[in-house]
Amino acid sequence: MENIKRNMELYLRLLGVKKKKVSLEALSELISAQLSTIPFENISKLYYNRLYKLDHLPSFSQYLNGISENSFGGTCYSNNYYFYKLLKYLGYNAKLCGADMNELDCHIVIIVSINYKDYLVDVGYAAPFLNPIPLYLETDRTIFAGRDEYIIKPRDNKGYSQLEMFRNDICKHGYVVKPVAKRIEDFNKVISDSYNNSSTFFNTLLITKYISGSFVTINNLELIELKQNVSSIRQISDTDELVELIERIFNIPQSITGEILKNIKFSEDAWN
């Protein structure tokens, strides 16, 4: 059985933050530390599946070891779930919730209540959500991110919140947050399905991290940097350059990415 306290203390050390009294400011610090330390990436998903035939969440210890040893992170399921567990450990009134995309409850998010107000926390969407996002809105709120804009709409009469992601003024993606508390076991099937060979993250590469004031993303053979609300994009020539860039920017070893990425067809757009 895993030692929860030991894992949580290691998690905090990896993030470089200390326990603080529950507050909106402390929550923002935790989110920023998470996005600066732990990338959204699907390399570890492919790696663990190939190495261990993993078709479920990595254990907490495996997740943390992957961060410390290989600079891994995870996709929405592991990043949001373990961040949720950290928030609960620190005393936050947090709940794990499902969000609908193209399928029901295929995305995991966190809702945190502070001073009787609800905030969306999503460290598993490869998006520059550095701060808690208010869900008690009366009008739309827009997060500007270079070529991308994220619009959060006021809750509907069911209490659902809709987020839409626009790229170059075209709606590319989004999800609907349902504020019903869930257990991680409720997502077992969608997590298992995400390991199918036909799934998006077995046919694309997406890795993003907040580095020195910039959000740096590699999506297939594109390198995107978001700095001061300006996006710059350049094409990556081939897999060899891709593997070198991933190690140089994200510190994930070439010995891992070189083997994993040679079998990826890059046939999927992660935002479709």
C-alpha atoms as a PDB file:
ATOM      1  CA  MET A   1       0.000   0.000   0.000  1.00  0.00           C
ATOM      2  CA  GLU A   2       1.308   3.429  -0.955  1.00  0.00           C
ATOM      3  CA  ASN A   3       2.354   5.877   1.733  1.00  0.00           C
ATOM      4  CA  ILE A   4       0.064   8.820   0.961  1.00  0.00           C
ATOM      5  CA  LYS A   5       1.805  11.317   3.218  1.00  0.00           C
ATOM      6  CA  ARG A   6       5.226  10.467   1.806  1.00  0.00           C
ATOM      7  CA  ASN A   7       3.923  10.804  -1.741  1.00  0.00           C
ATOM      8  CA  MET A   8       2.307  14.151  -0.952  1.00  0.00           C
ATOM      9  CA  GLU A   9       5.473  15.520   0.618  1.00  0.00           C
ATOM     10  CA  LEU A  10       7.445  14.388  -2.440  1.00  0.00           C
ATOM     11  CA  TYR A  11       4.851  16.023  -4.701  1.00  0.00           C
ATOM     12  CA  LEU A  12       5.246  19.337  -2.862  1.00  0.00           C
ATOM     13  CA  ARG A  13       9.041  19.107  -3.096  1.00  0.00           C
ATOM     14  CA  LEU A  14       8.853  18.476  -6.816  1.00  0.00           C
ATOM     15  CA  LEU A  15       6.628  21.528  -7.197  1.00  0.00           C
ATOM     16  CA  GLY A  16       8.929  23.597  -5.009  1.00  0.00           C
ATOM     17  CA  VAL A  17       6.106  24.893  -2.809  1.00  0.00           C
ATOM     18  CA  LYS A  18       5.320  24.667   0.881  1.00  0.00           C
ATOM     19  CA  LYS A  19       2.064  24.059   2.671  1.00  0.00           C
ATOM     20  CA  LYS A  20       0.086  27.251   3.100  1.00  0.00           C
ATOM     21  CA  LYS A  21      -3.292  28.211   4.435  1.00  0.00           C
ATOM     22  CA  VAL A  22      -6.086  27.621   1.939  1.00  0.00           C
ATOM     23  CA  SER A  23      -6.586  30.735  -0.176  1.00  0.00           C
ATOM     24  CA  LEU A  24      -7.123  31.795  -3.763  1.00  0.00           C
ATOM     25  CA  GLU A  25      -3.565  33.139  -3.876  1.00  0.00           C
ATOM     26  CA  ALA A  26      -2.079  29.885  -2.575  1.00  0.00           C
ATOM     27  CA  LEU A  27      -4.164  27.915  -5.069  1.00  0.00           C
ATOM     28  CA  SER A  28      -2.838  30.058  -7.928  1.00  0.00           C
ATOM     29  CA  GLU A  29       0.703  29.399  -6.698  1.00  0.00           C
ATOM     30  CA  LEU A  30       0.074  25.658  -6.732  1.00  0.00           C
ATOM     31  CA  ILE A  31      -1.402  25.734 -10.235  1.00  0.00           C
ATOM     32  CA  SER A  32       1.491  27.807 -11.568  1.00  0.00           C
ATOM     33  CA  ALA A  33       4.011  25.451  -9.934  1.00  0.00           C
ATOM     34  CA  GLN A  34       2.245  22.437 -11.437  1.00  0.00           C
ATOM     35  CA  LEU A  35       2.216  23.835 -14.965  1.00  0.00           C
ATOM     36  CA  SER A  36       5.849  24.946 -14.636  1.00  0.00           C
ATOM     37  CA  THR A  37       7.054  21.572 -13.337  1.00  0.00           C
ATOM     38  CA  ILE A  38       4.817  18.867 -14.737  1.00  0.00           C
ATOM     39  CA  PRO A  39       3.988  18.924 -18.450  1.00  0.00           C
ATOM     40  CA  PHE A  40       0.887  17.796 -20.166  1.00  0.00           C
ATOM     41  CA  GLU A  41       2.284  15.028 -22.351  1.00  0.00           C
ATOM     42  CA  ASN A  42       1.356  11.665 -23.801  1.00  0.00           C
ATOM     43  CA  ILE A  43       4.881  10.268 -24.141  1.00  0.00           C
ATOM     44  CA  SER A  44       4.676   8.615 -20.720  1.00  0.00           C
ATOM     45  CA  LYS A  45       1.307   7.122 -21.651  1.00  0.00           C
ATOM     46  CA  LEU A  46       2.845   5.452 -24.687  1.00  0.00           C
ATOM     47  CA  TYR A  47       5.973   4.482 -22.763  1.00  0.00           C
ATOM     48  CA  TYR A  48       4.168   2.823 -19.853  1.00  0.00           C
ATOM     49  CA  ASN A  49       1.811   1.041 -22.215  1.00  0.00           C
ATOM     50  CA  ARG A  50       4.686  -0.389 -24.225  1.00  0.00           C
ATOM     51  CA  LEU A  51       6.880  -1.205 -21.230  1.00  0.00           C
ATOM     52  CA  TYR A  52       4.268  -2.494 -18.764  1.00  0.00           C
ATOM     53  CA  LYS A  53       1.154  -2.966 -20.927  1.00  0.00           C
ATOM     54  CA  LEU A  54      -0.433  -0.299 -18.739  1.00  0.00           C
ATOM     55  CA  ASP A  55      -4.053   0.450 -19.628  1.00  0.00           C
ATOM     56  CA  HIS A  56      -5.044   2.387 -16.519  1.00  0.00           C
ATOM     57  CA  LEU A  57      -3.709   5.268 -14.458  1.00  0.00           C
ATOM     58  CA  PRO A  58      -0.124   4.954 -13.273  1.00  0.00           C
ATOM     59  CA  SER A  59       0.060   4.576  -9.506  1.00  0.00           C
ATOM     60  CA  PHE A  60       0.800   7.715  -7.505  1.00  0.00           C
ATOM     61  CA  SER A  61       4.373   6.533  -6.876  1.00  0.00           C
ATOM     62  CA  GLN A  62       4.875   5.707 -10.547  1.00  0.00           C
ATOM     63  CA  TYR A  63       3.525   9.111 -11.542  1.00  0.00           C
ATOM     64  CA  LEU A  64       5.863  10.945  -9.148  1.00  0.00           C
ATOM     65  CA  ASN A  65       8.857   8.792 -10.095  1.00  0.00           C
ATOM     66  CA  GLY A  66       8.201   9.553 -13.737  1.00  0.00           C
ATOM     67  CA  ILE A  67       8.324  13.267 -12.963  1.00  0.00           C
ATOM     68  CA  SER A  68      11.525  13.095 -10.919  1.00  0.00           C
ATOM     69  CA  GLU A  69      13.398  10.593 -13.105  1.00  0.00           C
ATOM     70  CA  ASN A  70      12.259  11.362 -16.666  1.00  0.00           C
ATOM     71  CA  SER A  71      10.539  14.782 -16.453  1.00  0.00           C
ATOM     72  CA  PHE A  72       7.241  13.117 -17.355  1.00  0.00           C
ATOM     73  CA  GLY A  73       3.800  14.476 -16.611  1.00  0.00           C
ATOM     74  CA  GLY A  74       0.626  12.995 -18.004  1.00  0.00           C
ATOM     75  CA  THR A  75      -2.653  13.656 -19.739  1.00  0.00           C
ATOM     76  CA  CYS A  76      -5.816  14.962 -18.083  1.00  0.00           C
ATOM     77  CA  TYR A  77      -6.547  11.778 -16.157  1.00  0.00           C
ATOM     78  CA  SER A  78      -3.320  11.569 -14.180  1.00  0.00           C
ATOM     79  CA  ASN A  79      -2.451  15.280 -14.010  1.00  0.00           C
ATOM     80  CA  ASN A  80      -5.868  16.391 -12.802  1.00  0.00           C
ATOM     81  CA  TYR A  81      -6.508  13.389 -10.569  1.00  0.00           C
ATOM     82  CA  TYR A  82      -3.248  13.584  -8.641  1.00  0.00           C
ATOM     83  CA  PHE A  83      -3.443  17.371  -8.415  1.00  0.00           C
ATOM     84  CA  TYR A  84      -6.953  16.939  -6.988  1.00  0.00           C
ATOM     85  CA  LYS A  85      -5.566  14.539  -4.393  1.00  0.00           C
ATOM     86  CA  LEU A  86      -2.900  17.094  -3.477  1.00  0.00           C
ATOM     87  CA  LEU A  87      -5.510  19.814  -3.051  1.00  0.00           C
ATOM     88  CA  LYS A  88      -7.584  17.577  -0.778  1.00  0.00           C
ATOM     89  CA  TYR A  89      -4.472  16.763   1.250  1.00  0.00           C
ATOM     90  CA  LEU A  90      -3.810  20.484   1.683  1.00  0.00           C
ATOM     91  CA  GLY A  91      -7.332  21.099   2.933  1.00  0.00           C
ATOM     92  CA  TYR A  92      -9.046  22.492  -0.148  1.00  0.00           C
ATOM     93  CA  ASN A  93     -12.747  21.973  -0.695  1.00  0.00           C
ATOM     94  CA  ALA A  94     -12.217  20.266  -4.039  1.00  0.00           C
ATOM     95  CA  LYS A  95     -14.166  17.743  -6.053  1.00  0.00           C
ATOM     96  CA  LEU A  96     -13.320  15.686  -9.090  1.00  0.00           C
ATOM     97  CA  CYS A  97     -15.827  16.227 -11.896  1.00  0.00           C
ATOM     98  CA  GLY A  98     -16.514  14.940 -15.360  1.00  0.00           C
ATOM     99  CA  ALA A  99     -16.622  17.084 -18.478  1.00  0.00           C
ATOM    100  CA  ASP A 100     -18.221  16.224 -21.793  1.00  0.00           C
ATOM    101  CA  MET A 101     -16.322  16.601 -25.057  1.00  0.00           C
ATOM    102  CA  ASN A 102     -17.226  14.361 -27.974  1.00  0.00           C
ATOM    103  CA  GLU A 103     -18.220  11.762 -25.399  1.00  0.00           C
ATOM    104  CA  LEU A 104     -19.826  11.986 -21.972  1.00  0.00           C
ATOM    105  CA  ASP A 105     -17.399  12.392 -19.067  1.00  0.00           C
ATOM    106  CA  CYS A 106     -14.350  11.827 -21.272  1.00  0.00           C
ATOM    107  CA  HIS A 107     -12.420  14.636 -19.564  1.00  0.00           C
ATOM    108  CA  ILE A 108     -11.612  15.118 -15.876  1.00  0.00           C
ATOM    109  CA  VAL A 109     -11.542  18.528 -14.194  1.00  0.00           C
ATOM    110  CA  ILE A 110     -11.482  19.890 -10.652  1.00  0.00           C
ATOM    111  CA  ILE A 111     -13.905  22.312  -9.024  1.00  0.00           C
ATOM    112  CA  VAL A 112     -12.598  24.117  -5.946  1.00  0.00           C
ATOM    113  CA  SER A 113     -14.822  26.118  -3.609  1.00  0.00           C
ATOM    114  CA  ILE A 114     -13.257  29.035  -1.714  1.00  0.00           C
ATOM    115  CA  ASN A 115     -15.375  31.446   0.315  1.00  0.00           C
ATOM    116  CA  TYR A 116     -18.521  29.848  -1.148  1.00  0.00           C
ATOM    117  CA  LYS A 117     -17.435  30.547  -4.717  1.00  0.00           C
ATOM    118  CA  ASP A 118     -16.622  27.834  -7.242  1.00  0.00           C
ATOM    119  CA  TYR A 119     -13.545  27.817  -9.447  1.00  0.00           C
ATOM    120  CA  LEU A 120     -12.514  25.562 -12.295  1.00  0.00           C
ATOM    121  CA  VAL A 121      -9.013  24.104 -12.030  1.00  0.00           C
ATOM    122  CA  ASP A 122      -7.738  22.200 -15.059  1.00  0.00           C
ATOM    123  CA  VAL A 123      -4.035  21.307 -15.179  1.00  0.00           C
ATOM    124  CA  GLY A 124      -4.715  18.594 -17.730  1.00  0.00           C
ATOM    125  CA  TYR A 125      -5.894  20.483 -20.810  1.00  0.00           C
ATOM    126  CA  ALA A 126      -2.567  21.645 -22.289  1.00  0.00           C
ATOM    127  CA  ALA A 127      -3.848  25.182 -21.826  1.00  0.00           C
ATOM    128  CA  PRO A 128      -2.429  28.290 -20.109  1.00  0.00           C
ATOM    129  CA  PHE A 129      -4.833  28.161 -17.180  1.00  0.00           C
ATOM    130  CA  LEU A 130      -2.403  29.558 -14.612  1.00  0.00           C
ATOM    131  CA  ASN A 131      -5.126  30.700 -12.243  1.00  0.00           C
ATOM    132  CA  PRO A 132      -8.408  29.295 -10.957  1.00  0.00           C
ATOM    133  CA  ILE A 133     -11.223  30.137 -13.380  1.00  0.00           C
ATOM    134  CA  PRO A 134     -14.383  31.570 -11.751  1.00  0.00           C
ATOM    135  CA  LEU A 135     -17.559  29.599 -12.410  1.00  0.00           C
ATOM    136  CA  TYR A 136     -19.916  32.140 -10.843  1.00  0.00           C
ATOM    137  CA  LEU A 137     -19.884  34.315 -13.956  1.00  0.00           C
ATOM    138  CA  GLU A 138     -22.714  36.550 -15.118  1.00  0.00           C
ATOM    139  CA  THR A 139     -21.166  37.165 -18.552  1.00  0.00           C
ATOM    140  CA  ASP A 140     -18.652  35.355 -20.735  1.00  0.00           C
ATOM    141  CA  ARG A 141     -15.023  35.474 -19.665  1.00  0.00           C
ATOM    142  CA  THR A 142     -12.213  35.182 -22.222  1.00  0.00           C
ATOM    143  CA  ILE A 143      -8.670  33.997 -21.608  1.00  0.00           C
ATOM    144  CA  PHE A 144      -6.467  35.347 -24.399  1.00  0.00           C
ATOM    145  CA  ALA A 145      -3.542  33.150 -25.437  1.00  0.00           C
ATOM    146  CA  GLY A 146      -2.024  34.356 -28.689  1.00  0.00           C
ATOM    147  CA  ARG A 147      -3.719  32.578 -31.583  1.00  0.00           C
ATOM    148  CA  ASP A 148      -6.026  30.865 -29.088  1.00  0.00           C
ATOM    149  CA  GLU A 149      -8.903  32.189 -27.027  1.00  0.00           C
ATOM    150  CA  TYR A 150     -10.725  30.294 -24.296  1.00  0.00           C
ATOM    151  CA  ILE A 151     -14.261  31.467 -23.547  1.00  0.00           C
ATOM    152  CA  ILE A 152     -15.977  30.380 -20.345  1.00  0.00           C
ATOM    153  CA  LYS A 153     -19.719  30.900 -20.294  1.00  0.00           C
ATOM    154  CA  PRO A 154     -21.991  31.446 -17.280  1.00  0.00           C
ATOM    155  CA  ARG A 155     -23.576  28.353 -15.808  1.00  0.00           C
ATOM    156  CA  ASP A 156     -26.799  27.172 -17.409  1.00  0.00           C
ATOM    157  CA  ASN A 157     -29.948  26.201 -15.529  1.00  0.00           C
ATOM    158  CA  LYS A 158     -28.430  22.773 -14.756  1.00  0.00           C
ATOM    159  CA  GLY A 159     -25.340  24.365 -13.213  1.00  0.00           C
ATOM    160  CA  TYR A 160     -23.199  23.267 -16.161  1.00  0.00           C
ATOM    161  CA  SER A 161     -20.346  25.470 -17.409  1.00  0.00           C
ATOM    162  CA  GLN A 162     -19.202  25.518 -21.026  1.00  0.00           C
ATOM    163  CA  LEU A 163     -15.667  26.256 -22.164  1.00  0.00           C
ATOM    164  CA  GLU A 164     -14.939  26.898 -25.838  1.00  0.00           C
ATOM    165  CA  MET A 165     -11.483  27.038 -27.375  1.00  0.00           C
ATOM    166  CA  PHE A 166     -11.104  29.187 -30.498  1.00  0.00           C
ATOM    167  CA  ARG A 167      -8.005  29.070 -32.685  1.00  0.00           C
ATOM    168  CA  ASN A 168      -7.634  31.849 -35.232  1.00  0.00           C
ATOM    169  CA  ASP A 169     -11.307  32.687 -34.607  1.00  0.00           C
ATOM    170  CA  ILE A 170     -12.485  29.147 -35.372  1.00  0.00           C
ATOM    171  CA  CYS A 171     -13.984  27.026 -32.597  1.00  0.00           C
ATOM    172  CA  LYS A 172     -11.642  24.049 -32.373  1.00  0.00           C
ATOM    173  CA  HIS A 173     -12.417  22.374 -29.086  1.00  0.00           C
ATOM    174  CA  GLY A 174     -14.052  22.710 -25.702  1.00  0.00           C
ATOM    175  CA  TYR A 175     -15.973  20.925 -23.024  1.00  0.00           C
ATOM    176  CA  VAL A 176     -18.945  21.136 -20.682  1.00  0.00           C
ATOM    177  CA  VAL A 177     -18.249  20.907 -16.939  1.00  0.00           C
ATOM    178  CA  LYS A 178     -20.805  19.087 -14.815  1.00  0.00           C
ATOM    179  CA  PRO A 179     -20.476  20.011 -11.124  1.00  0.00           C
ATOM    180  CA  VAL A 180     -21.248  16.541  -9.778  1.00  0.00           C
ATOM    181  CA  ALA A 181     -18.572  14.961  -7.590  1.00  0.00           C
ATOM    182  CA  LYS A 182     -17.118  11.792  -9.105  1.00  0.00           C
ATOM    183  CA  ARG A 183     -14.763   9.039  -8.008  1.00  0.00           C
ATOM    184  CA  ILE A 184     -11.787   8.167 -10.159  1.00  0.00           C
ATOM    185  CA  GLU A 185     -13.329   4.695 -10.582  1.00  0.00           C
ATOM    186  CA  ASP A 186     -16.192   6.335 -12.494  1.00  0.00           C
ATOM    187  CA  PHE A 187     -13.696   7.033 -15.274  1.00  0.00           C
ATOM    188  CA  ASN A 188     -12.251   3.512 -15.516  1.00  0.00           C
ATOM    189  CA  LYS A 189     -13.778   2.764 -18.913  1.00  0.00           C
ATOM    190  CA  VAL A 190     -12.869   6.065 -20.581  1.00  0.00           C
ATOM    191  CA  ILE A 191      -9.314   5.768 -19.225  1.00  0.00           C
ATOM    192  CA  SER A 192      -9.031   2.192 -20.491  1.00  0.00           C
ATOM    193  CA  ASP A 193     -10.431   3.227 -23.889  1.00  0.00           C
ATOM    194  CA  SER A 194      -7.780   5.953 -24.140  1.00  0.00           C
ATOM    195  CA  TYR A 195      -5.177   3.167 -24.482  1.00  0.00           C
ATOM    196  CA  ASN A 196      -6.737   1.799 -27.671  1.00  0.00           C
ATOM    197  CA  ASN A 197      -4.499   1.970 -30.726  1.00  0.00           C
ATOM    198  CA  SER A 198      -7.126   4.107 -32.457  1.00  0.00           C
ATOM    199  CA  SER A 199      -7.304   6.680 -29.654  1.00  0.00           C
ATOM    200  CA  THR A 200      -6.107  10.246 -30.178  1.00  0.00           C
ATOM    201  CA  PHE A 201      -3.062  10.039 -27.929  1.00  0.00           C
ATOM    202  CA  PHE A 202      -1.787   6.913 -29.647  1.00  0.00           C
ATOM    203  CA  ASN A 203      -1.735   8.785 -32.964  1.00  0.00           C
ATOM    204  CA  THR A 204      -0.520  12.243 -32.042  1.00  0.00           C
ATOM    205  CA  LEU A 205       2.074  13.984 -29.906  1.00  0.00           C
ATOM    206  CA  LEU A 206       1.150  16.794 -27.553  1.00  0.00           C
ATOM    207  CA  ILE A 207       3.435  18.174 -24.876  1.00  0.00           C
ATOM    208  CA  THR A 208       3.232  21.569 -23.208  1.00  0.00           C
ATOM    209  CA  LYS A 209       4.783  23.282 -20.207  1.00  0.00           C
ATOM    210  CA  TYR A 210       5.138  26.769 -18.733  1.00  0.00           C
ATOM    211  CA  ILE A 211       8.821  27.640 -19.016  1.00  0.00           C
ATOM    212  CA  SER A 212      10.369  30.973 -17.956  1.00  0.00           C
ATOM    213  CA  GLY A 213       7.263  33.012 -18.679  1.00  0.00           C
ATOM    214  CA  SER A 214       6.333  31.207 -21.896  1.00  0.00           C
ATOM    215  CA  PHE A 215       4.001  28.351 -22.699  1.00  0.00           C
ATOM    216  CA  VAL A 216       5.940  26.030 -24.955  1.00  0.00           C
ATOM    217  CA  THR A 217       4.071  23.352 -26.884  1.00  0.00           C
ATOM    218  CA  ILE A 218       5.036  20.662 -29.325  1.00  0.00           C
ATOM    219  CA  ASN A 219       2.085  19.279 -31.264  1.00  0.00           C
ATOM    220  CA  ASN A 220       3.206  16.674 -33.762  1.00  0.00           C
ATOM    221  CA  LEU A 221       5.826  18.463 -35.875  1.00  0.00           C
ATOM    222  CA  GLU A 222       5.022  22.008 -34.768  1.00  0.00           C
ATOM    223  CA  LEU A 223       6.813  23.968 -32.060  1.00  0.00           C
ATOM    224  CA  ILE A 224       4.577  26.691 -30.618  1.00  0.00           C
ATOM    225  CA  GLU A 225       5.677  29.319 -28.135  1.00  0.00           C
ATOM    226  CA  LEU A 226       3.220  31.624 -26.402  1.00  0.00           C
ATOM    227  CA  LYS A 227       4.860  34.658 -24.822  1.00  0.00           C
ATOM    228  CA  GLN A 228       3.240  37.940 -23.802  1.00  0.00           C
ATOM    229  CA  ASN A 229       0.079  36.880 -25.642  1.00  0.00           C
ATOM    230  CA  VAL A 230       1.902  36.364 -28.939  1.00  0.00           C
ATOM    231  CA  SER A 231       2.158  32.947 -30.591  1.00  0.00           C
ATOM    232  CA  SER A 232       5.179  31.979 -32.658  1.00  0.00           C
ATOM    233  CA  ILE A 233       5.141  28.739 -34.638  1.00  0.00           C
ATOM    234  CA  ARG A 234       7.782  26.852 -36.539  1.00  0.00           C
ATOM    235  CA  GLN A 235       7.835  23.526 -38.285  1.00  0.00           C
ATOM    236  CA  ILE A 236      10.056  20.706 -37.014  1.00  0.00           C
ATOM    237  CA  SER A 237      11.913  19.031 -39.853  1.00  0.00           C
ATOM    238  CA  ASP A 238      11.799  15.389 -38.821  1.00  0.00           C
ATOM    239  CA  THR A 239      11.650  12.928 -35.934  1.00  0.00           C
ATOM    240  CA  ASP A 240      15.355  13.307 -35.159  1.00  0.00           C
ATOM    241  CA  GLU A 241      14.956  17.048 -34.596  1.00  0.00           C
ATOM    242  CA  LEU A 242      11.747  16.402 -32.679  1.00  0.00           C
ATOM    243  CA  VAL A 243      13.465  14.028 -30.248  1.00  0.00           C
ATOM    244  CA  GLU A 244      16.345  16.468 -29.724  1.00  0.00           C
ATOM    245  CA  LEU A 245      13.973  19.378 -29.058  1.00  0.00           C
ATOM    246  CA  ILE A 246      11.938  17.398 -26.535  1.00  0.00           C
ATOM    247  CA  GLU A 247      15.052  16.632 -24.519  1.00  0.00           C
ATOM    248  CA  ARG A 248      16.430  20.167 -24.783  1.00  0.00           C
ATOM    249  CA  ILE A 249      13.170  21.932 -23.914  1.00  0.00           C
ATOM    250  CA  PHE A 250      11.335  19.445 -21.699  1.00  0.00           C
ATOM    251  CA  ASN A 251      14.218  17.277 -20.395  1.00  0.00           C
ATOM    252  CA  ILE A 252      12.557  14.029 -21.418  1.00  0.00           C
ATOM    253  CA  PRO A 253      15.404  11.669 -22.410  1.00  0.00           C
ATOM    254  CA  GLN A 254      16.027  10.948 -26.073  1.00  0.00           C
ATOM    255  CA  SER A 255      16.472   7.283 -25.148  1.00  0.00           C
ATOM    256  CA  ILE A 256      12.748   7.208 -24.389  1.00  0.00           C
ATOM    257  CA  THR A 257      11.302   9.500 -27.041  1.00  0.00           C
ATOM    258  CA  GLY A 258      13.471   8.126 -29.849  1.00  0.00           C
ATOM    259  CA  GLU A 259      12.043   4.654 -29.349  1.00  0.00           C
ATOM    260  CA  ILE A 260       8.458   5.701 -28.659  1.00  0.00           C
ATOM    261  CA  LEU A 261       7.949   8.321 -31.360  1.00  0.00           C
ATOM    262  CA  LYS A 262       9.316   6.332 -34.279  1.00  0.00           C
ATOM    263  CA  ASN A 263       6.038   4.380 -34.328  1.00  0.00           C
ATOM    264  CA  ILE A 264       3.740   7.402 -34.108  1.00  0.00           C
ATOM    265  CA  LYS A 265       2.003   8.338 -37.360  1.00  0.00           C
ATOM    266  CA  PHE A 266       1.140  11.920 -36.245  1.00  0.00           C
ATOM    267  CA  SER A 267      -2.187  11.415 -38.034  1.00  0.00           C
ATOM    268  CA  GLU A 268      -4.417  13.039 -35.396  1.00  0.00           C
ATOM    269  CA  ASP A 269      -5.016  16.658 -34.461  1.00  0.00           C
ATOM    270  CA  ALA A 270      -5.281  16.732 -30.664  1.00  0.00           C
ATOM    271  CA  TRP A 271      -7.693  19.663 -30.908  1.00  0.00           C
ATOM    272  CA  ASN A 272     -10.277  18.006 -33.149  1.00  0.00           C
END
